[in-house]
């Protein structure tokens, strides 16, 4: 069995619709430059407010991916 090493990075996703869409946006964007992502862990969720109204959802994620080589 081969040894593997993984790197963990933090991403922030934003959506005007939901926390779920914010998380999907972060992973979808990361997928364009990272290969072999394995786990995405939501570490924080918050909302953006304007005039006491919710205008957006923000999610912080820790994402792990396998290092090559």
Protein backbone atom coordinates (compact mmCIF):
# COMPACT_ATOMS: atom_id res chain seq x y z
CA UNK A 1 0.00 0.00 0.00
CA UNK A 2 1.28 3.45 -0.96
CA UNK A 3 1.67 6.31 1.55
CA UNK A 4 -0.36 9.44 0.92
CA UNK A 5 -0.08 13.05 2.08
CA UNK A 6 -2.94 15.52 2.10
CA UNK A 7 -2.97 19.30 2.32
CA UNK A 8 -5.76 21.27 4.01
CA UNK A 9 -6.75 24.75 2.86
CA UNK A 10 -9.48 27.14 3.97
CA UNK A 11 -12.04 28.49 1.51
CA UNK A 12 -14.87 30.99 1.84
CA UNK A 13 -17.98 30.71 -0.31
CA UNK A 14 -20.76 33.28 -0.67
CA UNK A 15 -24.32 33.02 -1.96
CA UNK A 16 -27.38 35.23 -1.94
CA UNK A 17 -29.58 32.09 -1.67
CA UNK A 18 -28.32 29.74 1.07
CA UNK A 19 -25.41 28.34 3.04
CA UNK A 20 -25.60 25.19 0.92
CA UNK A 21 -25.18 27.20 -2.29
CA UNK A 22 -22.27 29.09 -0.69
CA UNK A 23 -20.52 25.79 0.10
CA UNK A 24 -21.19 24.47 -3.40
CA UNK A 25 -19.75 27.66 -4.92
CA UNK A 26 -16.53 27.32 -2.91
CA UNK A 27 -16.02 23.65 -3.83
CA UNK A 28 -16.98 24.21 -7.47
CA UNK A 29 -14.47 27.05 -7.84
CA UNK A 30 -11.71 25.08 -6.08
CA UNK A 31 -12.40 22.13 -8.40
CA UNK A 32 -11.05 24.23 -11.30
CA UNK A 33 -7.52 24.29 -9.83
CA UNK A 34 -7.33 21.44 -7.30
CA UNK A 35 -7.37 17.74 -8.07
CA UNK A 36 -8.38 14.84 -5.89
CA UNK A 37 -10.28 16.79 -3.22
CA UNK A 38 -11.36 14.39 -0.49
CA UNK A 39 -13.18 16.15 2.36
CA UNK A 40 -14.83 19.54 2.84
CA UNK A 41 -15.65 20.45 6.44
CA UNK A 42 -17.82 23.47 7.23
CA UNK A 43 -16.09 25.35 10.04
CA UNK A 44 -18.18 28.51 10.20
CA UNK A 45 -21.38 29.97 8.78
CA UNK A 46 -22.53 33.57 8.92
CA UNK A 47 -24.84 35.98 7.13
CA UNK A 48 -24.31 39.35 5.54
CA UNK A 49 -26.87 41.93 6.63
CA UNK A 50 -27.98 45.25 5.16
CA UNK A 51 -30.70 47.40 6.75
CA UNK A 52 -31.45 44.55 9.18
CA UNK A 53 -32.16 42.16 6.30
CA UNK A 54 -30.24 39.07 5.20
CA UNK A 55 -28.59 39.74 1.84
CA UNK A 56 -26.19 36.81 1.70
CA UNK A 57 -24.82 33.64 3.26
CA UNK A 58 -21.14 32.91 3.85
CA UNK A 59 -19.53 29.55 4.60
CA UNK A 60 -15.94 28.85 5.66
CA UNK A 61 -14.68 25.40 4.69
CA UNK A 62 -11.57 23.36 5.30
CA UNK A 63 -10.87 21.29 2.19
CA UNK A 64 -8.34 18.49 1.94
CA UNK A 65 -6.75 17.23 -1.24
CA UNK A 66 -4.08 14.69 -2.04
CA UNK A 67 -0.60 16.00 -2.82
CA UNK A 68 0.94 14.56 -5.94
CA UNK A 69 4.49 13.38 -6.35
